[in-house]
Structures are given as structure tokens and as C-alpha cells.
Amino acid sequence: MPVLTVRNVSDEVHRALRLRAAQNGRSTEAEVRDILQEAVLPKNQLNLVDELAKIREMLGGVELDITRDPSPAEPASFD
């Protein structure tokens, strides 16, 4: 697993991290991992596929009456 080193963190930020970690019952390192994960992989990130599925369910499904032309398509010519 990769290791990340963060240099030049102010004393104020370090104290705040230690306090926050203690309040959450974990180590400072674990707290920083959690903060980083939340920053780059938010839990409440909108998932378009899931949202569209919810809308489809609210509407009772979607029926599409599509008829396809059965004749074969002509290949593209690049001449």
C-alpha cells in the first residue's frame, strides 16, 4: 500500500487533527486517511444511473414502442 508524507503542517492544523481523531476514537493517521477518503471519494456523490433508475421506478417503468428497420445497413464508404 502506498505511503504518503505531508510536510510543513502547521502546529494549529496538527493540534486540530489530533483533537478530531480523539473525538472520533481513532489515531491521527486513521483520521487523516478518513479525511482524505471523504475529500476524494465522497459518499454522497450523485450516481446518475441510480438516480435515473429511481425516476423510472417512480414513473412505473418506461415502455418504448420502437420498430427497427429490418433492412441491412449499407457499409460506410471512405473513398
Protein backbone atom coordinates (compact mmCIF):
# COMPACT_ATOMS: atom_id res chain seq x y z
CA MET A 1 0.00 0.00 0.00
CA PRO A 2 1.37 3.47 -0.86
CA VAL A 3 2.73 5.75 1.85
CA LEU A 4 2.04 9.47 1.85
CA THR A 5 4.14 12.00 3.76
CA VAL A 6 2.79 15.51 4.34
CA ARG A 7 5.37 18.09 5.34
CA ASN A 8 5.07 21.58 6.80
CA VAL A 9 1.72 21.11 8.55
CA SER A 10 1.18 23.98 10.94
CA ASP A 11 1.00 23.32 14.68
CA GLU A 12 -2.59 24.57 14.67
CA VAL A 13 -3.66 22.08 11.99
CA HIS A 14 -1.78 19.24 13.72
CA ARG A 15 -3.47 20.00 17.05
CA ALA A 16 -6.88 20.15 15.34
CA LEU A 17 -6.24 16.79 13.65
CA ARG A 18 -5.22 15.19 16.94
CA LEU A 19 -8.32 16.59 18.66
CA ARG A 20 -10.62 15.47 15.86
CA ALA A 21 -9.06 11.99 15.90
CA ALA A 22 -9.55 11.71 19.65
CA GLN A 23 -13.18 12.80 19.35
CA ASN A 24 -13.73 10.07 16.75
CA GLY A 25 -11.86 7.45 18.78
CA ARG A 26 -9.07 6.80 16.31
CA SER A 27 -5.44 7.61 15.67
CA THR A 28 -4.37 10.82 13.96
CA GLU A 29 -3.19 8.74 11.00
CA ALA A 30 -6.57 7.00 10.71
CA GLU A 31 -8.31 10.36 10.94
CA VAL A 32 -6.19 11.80 8.12
CA ARG A 33 -6.97 8.72 5.98
CA ASP A 34 -10.68 9.23 6.59
CA ILE A 35 -10.49 12.95 5.75
CA LEU A 36 -8.61 12.23 2.52
CA GLN A 37 -11.04 9.49 1.51
CA GLU A 38 -14.03 11.77 2.11
CA ALA A 39 -12.36 14.54 0.10
CA VAL A 40 -11.71 12.47 -3.00
CA LEU A 41 -14.43 9.79 -2.77
CA PRO A 42 -17.48 11.49 -1.24
CA LYS A 43 -20.25 9.16 -0.10
CA ASN A 44 -22.99 11.47 -1.30
CA GLN A 45 -21.63 11.75 -4.83
CA LEU A 46 -24.50 11.70 -7.31
CA ASN A 47 -24.71 8.47 -9.28
CA LEU A 48 -26.62 9.25 -12.47
CA VAL A 49 -27.50 5.62 -13.20
CA ASP A 50 -29.03 5.14 -9.74
CA GLU A 51 -30.94 8.42 -9.95
CA LEU A 52 -32.39 7.54 -13.35
CA ALA A 53 -33.42 4.11 -12.04
CA LYS A 54 -35.25 5.81 -9.14
CA ILE A 55 -37.10 8.09 -11.55
CA ARG A 56 -38.04 5.11 -13.74
CA GLU A 57 -39.43 3.30 -10.70
CA MET A 58 -41.40 6.38 -9.59
CA LEU A 59 -42.98 6.54 -13.04
CA GLY A 60 -43.82 2.85 -13.04
CA GLY A 61 -41.34 1.88 -15.70
CA VAL A 62 -40.92 3.02 -19.24
CA GLU A 63 -42.30 1.23 -22.28
CA LEU A 64 -40.73 2.14 -25.59
CA ASP A 65 -42.52 1.24 -28.81
CA ILE A 66 -39.61 1.14 -31.21
CA THR A 67 -39.75 -0.59 -34.56
CA ARG A 68 -36.46 -1.26 -36.24
CA ASP A 69 -35.96 -1.15 -39.97
CA PRO A 70 -35.20 -4.81 -40.83
CA SER A 71 -33.29 -3.98 -44.00
CA PRO A 72 -29.50 -4.33 -43.72
CA ALA A 73 -27.48 -1.16 -43.31
CA GLU A 74 -25.12 -0.13 -46.06
CA PRO A 75 -21.45 -0.08 -45.07
CA ALA A 76 -19.76 3.31 -44.90
CA SER A 77 -17.62 4.31 -47.85
CA PHE A 78 -14.40 6.23 -47.19
CA ASP A 79 -13.40 6.66 -50.82
